[in-house]
Amino acid sequence: MMGFVYLSAILFSMFGMATLDHKFKLAFFHDRFRAALTIATGVLIFILWDIAGIALGIFSAGASQYMTGFFLAPDFPIEELFFLTFLCYFTLILYRILETRWQRT
């Protein structure tokens, strides 16, 4: 059961981002298509970055009791995909918060 702690934390955090998004209409609740395109583009770039890092021997998956142990590719755990999605979603939410706040001043 400990193997899902990290993934659960990422999903819990993503739920928090979605709650902020819904309340303040920042990303998906403002413009679904643009938000999805922005996040998908960011995730794709980071996946390519990770693949290059793995191929060059720079990145490797560490062993942890908190990870599921499921891999999408060698040294590319499933948690990485969820983390990259969260990272891009968080960045978009942060950008939109700053953008809406900056316009008011």
C-alpha atoms as a PDB file:
ATOM      1  CA  MET A   1       0.000   0.000   0.000  1.00  0.00           C
ATOM      2  CA  MET A   2       2.944   2.344   0.582  1.00  0.00           C
ATOM      3  CA  GLY A   3       3.694   2.057  -3.144  1.00  0.00           C
ATOM      4  CA  PHE A   4       0.983   4.553  -4.016  1.00  0.00           C
ATOM      5  CA  VAL A   5       1.922   7.326  -1.571  1.00  0.00           C
ATOM      6  CA  TYR A   6       3.857   9.472  -4.059  1.00  0.00           C
ATOM      7  CA  LEU A   7       1.264   9.083  -6.822  1.00  0.00           C
ATOM      8  CA  SER A   8      -1.516   9.832  -4.339  1.00  0.00           C
ATOM      9  CA  ALA A   9       0.261  12.995  -3.203  1.00  0.00           C
ATOM     10  CA  ILE A  10       0.602  14.169  -6.799  1.00  0.00           C
ATOM     11  CA  LEU A  11      -3.074  13.458  -7.515  1.00  0.00           C
ATOM     12  CA  PHE A  12      -4.134  15.177  -4.292  1.00  0.00           C
ATOM     13  CA  SER A  13      -2.088  18.232  -5.252  1.00  0.00           C
ATOM     14  CA  MET A  14      -3.557  18.191  -8.749  1.00  0.00           C
ATOM     15  CA  PHE A  15      -7.040  18.116  -7.219  1.00  0.00           C
ATOM     16  CA  GLY A  16      -6.090  21.213  -5.215  1.00  0.00           C
ATOM     17  CA  MET A  17      -4.973  22.940  -8.425  1.00  0.00           C
ATOM     18  CA  ALA A  18      -8.253  21.982 -10.100  1.00  0.00           C
ATOM     19  CA  THR A  19     -10.159  23.419  -7.135  1.00  0.00           C
ATOM     20  CA  LEU A  20      -8.325  26.737  -7.491  1.00  0.00           C
ATOM     21  CA  ASP A  21      -8.869  26.616 -11.230  1.00  0.00           C
ATOM     22  CA  HIS A  22     -12.603  26.081 -10.767  1.00  0.00           C
ATOM     23  CA  LYS A  23     -13.004  28.756  -8.122  1.00  0.00           C
ATOM     24  CA  PHE A  24     -11.104  31.483  -9.966  1.00  0.00           C
ATOM     25  CA  LYS A  25     -11.700  30.302 -13.579  1.00  0.00           C
ATOM     26  CA  LEU A  26      -7.981  30.307 -14.344  1.00  0.00           C
ATOM     27  CA  ALA A  27      -7.166  27.587 -16.877  1.00  0.00           C
ATOM     28  CA  PHE A  28      -9.542  24.761 -17.827  1.00  0.00           C
ATOM     29  CA  PHE A  29     -12.534  26.628 -16.473  1.00  0.00           C
ATOM     30  CA  HIS A  30     -11.493  29.738 -18.418  1.00  0.00           C
ATOM     31  CA  ASP A  31     -10.575  28.196 -21.794  1.00  0.00           C
ATOM     32  CA  ARG A  32     -10.432  24.390 -21.935  1.00  0.00           C
ATOM     33  CA  PHE A  33      -8.849  24.095 -25.351  1.00  0.00           C
ATOM     34  CA  ARG A  34      -5.996  26.531 -24.690  1.00  0.00           C
ATOM     35  CA  ALA A  35      -5.319  25.059 -21.254  1.00  0.00           C
ATOM     36  CA  ALA A  36      -5.211  21.501 -22.604  1.00  0.00           C
ATOM     37  CA  LEU A  37      -2.969  22.536 -25.494  1.00  0.00           C
ATOM     38  CA  THR A  38      -0.611  24.437 -23.199  1.00  0.00           C
ATOM     39  CA  ILE A  39      -0.318  21.608 -20.689  1.00  0.00           C
ATOM     40  CA  ALA A  40       0.019  18.924 -23.384  1.00  0.00           C
ATOM     41  CA  THR A  41       2.782  20.907 -25.090  1.00  0.00           C
ATOM     42  CA  GLY A  42       4.657  21.346 -21.827  1.00  0.00           C
ATOM     43  CA  VAL A  43       4.301  17.688 -20.886  1.00  0.00           C
ATOM     44  CA  LEU A  44       5.490  16.595 -24.334  1.00  0.00           C
ATOM     45  CA  ILE A  45       8.574  18.817 -24.109  1.00  0.00           C
ATOM     46  CA  PHE A  46       9.395  17.466 -20.633  1.00  0.00           C
ATOM     47  CA  ILE A  47       8.864  13.863 -21.774  1.00  0.00           C
ATOM     48  CA  LEU A  48      11.305  14.429 -24.627  1.00  0.00           C
ATOM     49  CA  TRP A  49      13.700  16.032 -22.141  1.00  0.00           C
ATOM     50  CA  ASP A  50      13.396  12.993 -19.854  1.00  0.00           C
ATOM     51  CA  ILE A  51      13.883  10.548 -22.727  1.00  0.00           C
ATOM     52  CA  ALA A  52      17.037  12.387 -23.769  1.00  0.00           C
ATOM     53  CA  GLY A  53      18.293  12.400 -20.179  1.00  0.00           C
ATOM     54  CA  ILE A  54      17.594   8.690 -19.782  1.00  0.00           C
ATOM     55  CA  ALA A  55      19.277   7.875 -23.113  1.00  0.00           C
ATOM     56  CA  LEU A  56      22.358   9.857 -22.094  1.00  0.00           C
ATOM     57  CA  GLY A  57      22.485   8.152 -18.706  1.00  0.00           C
ATOM     58  CA  ILE A  58      21.803  11.377 -16.814  1.00  0.00           C
ATOM     59  CA  PHE A  59      18.424  10.342 -15.397  1.00  0.00           C
ATOM     60  CA  SER A  60      17.546   7.061 -13.759  1.00  0.00           C
ATOM     61  CA  ALA A  61      14.662   5.848 -11.672  1.00  0.00           C
ATOM     62  CA  GLY A  62      15.543   5.450  -8.048  1.00  0.00           C
ATOM     63  CA  ALA A  63      14.089   2.735  -5.884  1.00  0.00           C
ATOM     64  CA  SER A  64      11.558   3.904  -3.343  1.00  0.00           C
ATOM     65  CA  GLN A  65       8.938   2.167  -1.285  1.00  0.00           C
ATOM     66  CA  TYR A  66       6.601   5.093  -1.974  1.00  0.00           C
ATOM     67  CA  MET A  67       6.482   4.564  -5.745  1.00  0.00           C
ATOM     68  CA  THR A  68       4.198   2.126  -7.537  1.00  0.00           C
ATOM     69  CA  GLY A  69       6.939   0.327  -9.447  1.00  0.00           C
ATOM     70  CA  PHE A  70       5.061   0.722 -12.747  1.00  0.00           C
ATOM     71  CA  PHE A  71       7.218   1.999 -15.589  1.00  0.00           C
ATOM     72  CA  LEU A  72       6.144   3.433 -18.938  1.00  0.00           C
ATOM     73  CA  ALA A  73       9.676   2.821 -20.257  1.00  0.00           C
ATOM     74  CA  PRO A  74      12.969   1.890 -18.630  1.00  0.00           C
ATOM     75  CA  ASP A  75      13.774   4.463 -15.934  1.00  0.00           C
ATOM     76  CA  PHE A  76      10.507   6.318 -16.669  1.00  0.00           C
ATOM     77  CA  PRO A  77       8.071   5.592 -13.827  1.00  0.00           C
ATOM     78  CA  ILE A  78       4.374   6.326 -14.247  1.00  0.00           C
ATOM     79  CA  GLU A  79       4.631   8.875 -11.441  1.00  0.00           C
ATOM     80  CA  GLU A  80       6.870  10.978 -13.690  1.00  0.00           C
ATOM     81  CA  LEU A  81       4.059  11.442 -16.208  1.00  0.00           C
ATOM     82  CA  PHE A  82       1.686  12.588 -13.475  1.00  0.00           C
ATOM     83  CA  PHE A  83       4.354  14.838 -11.957  1.00  0.00           C
ATOM     84  CA  LEU A  84       5.078  16.487 -15.307  1.00  0.00           C
ATOM     85  CA  THR A  85       1.362  17.065 -15.841  1.00  0.00           C
ATOM     86  CA  PHE A  86       1.063  18.554 -12.357  1.00  0.00           C
ATOM     87  CA  LEU A  87       4.124  20.736 -12.933  1.00  0.00           C
ATOM     88  CA  CYS A  88       2.714  22.160 -16.168  1.00  0.00           C
ATOM     89  CA  TYR A  89      -0.761  22.629 -14.655  1.00  0.00           C
ATOM     90  CA  PHE A  90       0.703  24.345 -11.591  1.00  0.00           C
ATOM     91  CA  THR A  91       2.794  26.641 -13.772  1.00  0.00           C
ATOM     92  CA  LEU A  92      -0.222  27.564 -15.885  1.00  0.00           C
ATOM     93  CA  ILE A  93      -2.322  28.273 -12.783  1.00  0.00           C
ATOM     94  CA  LEU A  94       0.478  30.389 -11.294  1.00  0.00           C
ATOM     95  CA  TYR A  95       0.895  32.302 -14.555  1.00  0.00           C
ATOM     96  CA  ARG A  96      -2.841  32.969 -14.807  1.00  0.00           C
ATOM     97  CA  ILE A  97      -3.020  34.143 -11.180  1.00  0.00           C
ATOM     98  CA  LEU A  98      -0.140  36.547 -11.753  1.00  0.00           C
ATOM     99  CA  GLU A  99      -1.588  37.662 -15.076  1.00  0.00           C
ATOM    100  CA  THR A 100      -4.997  38.462 -13.623  1.00  0.00           C
ATOM    101  CA  ARG A 101      -3.485  40.192 -10.587  1.00  0.00           C
ATOM    102  CA  TRP A 102      -1.013  42.180 -12.680  1.00  0.00           C
ATOM    103  CA  GLN A 103      -3.760  43.583 -14.912  1.00  0.00           C
ATOM    104  CA  ARG A 104      -5.539  45.111 -11.911  1.00  0.00           C
ATOM    105  CA  THR A 105      -2.581  47.203 -10.775  1.00  0.00           C
END
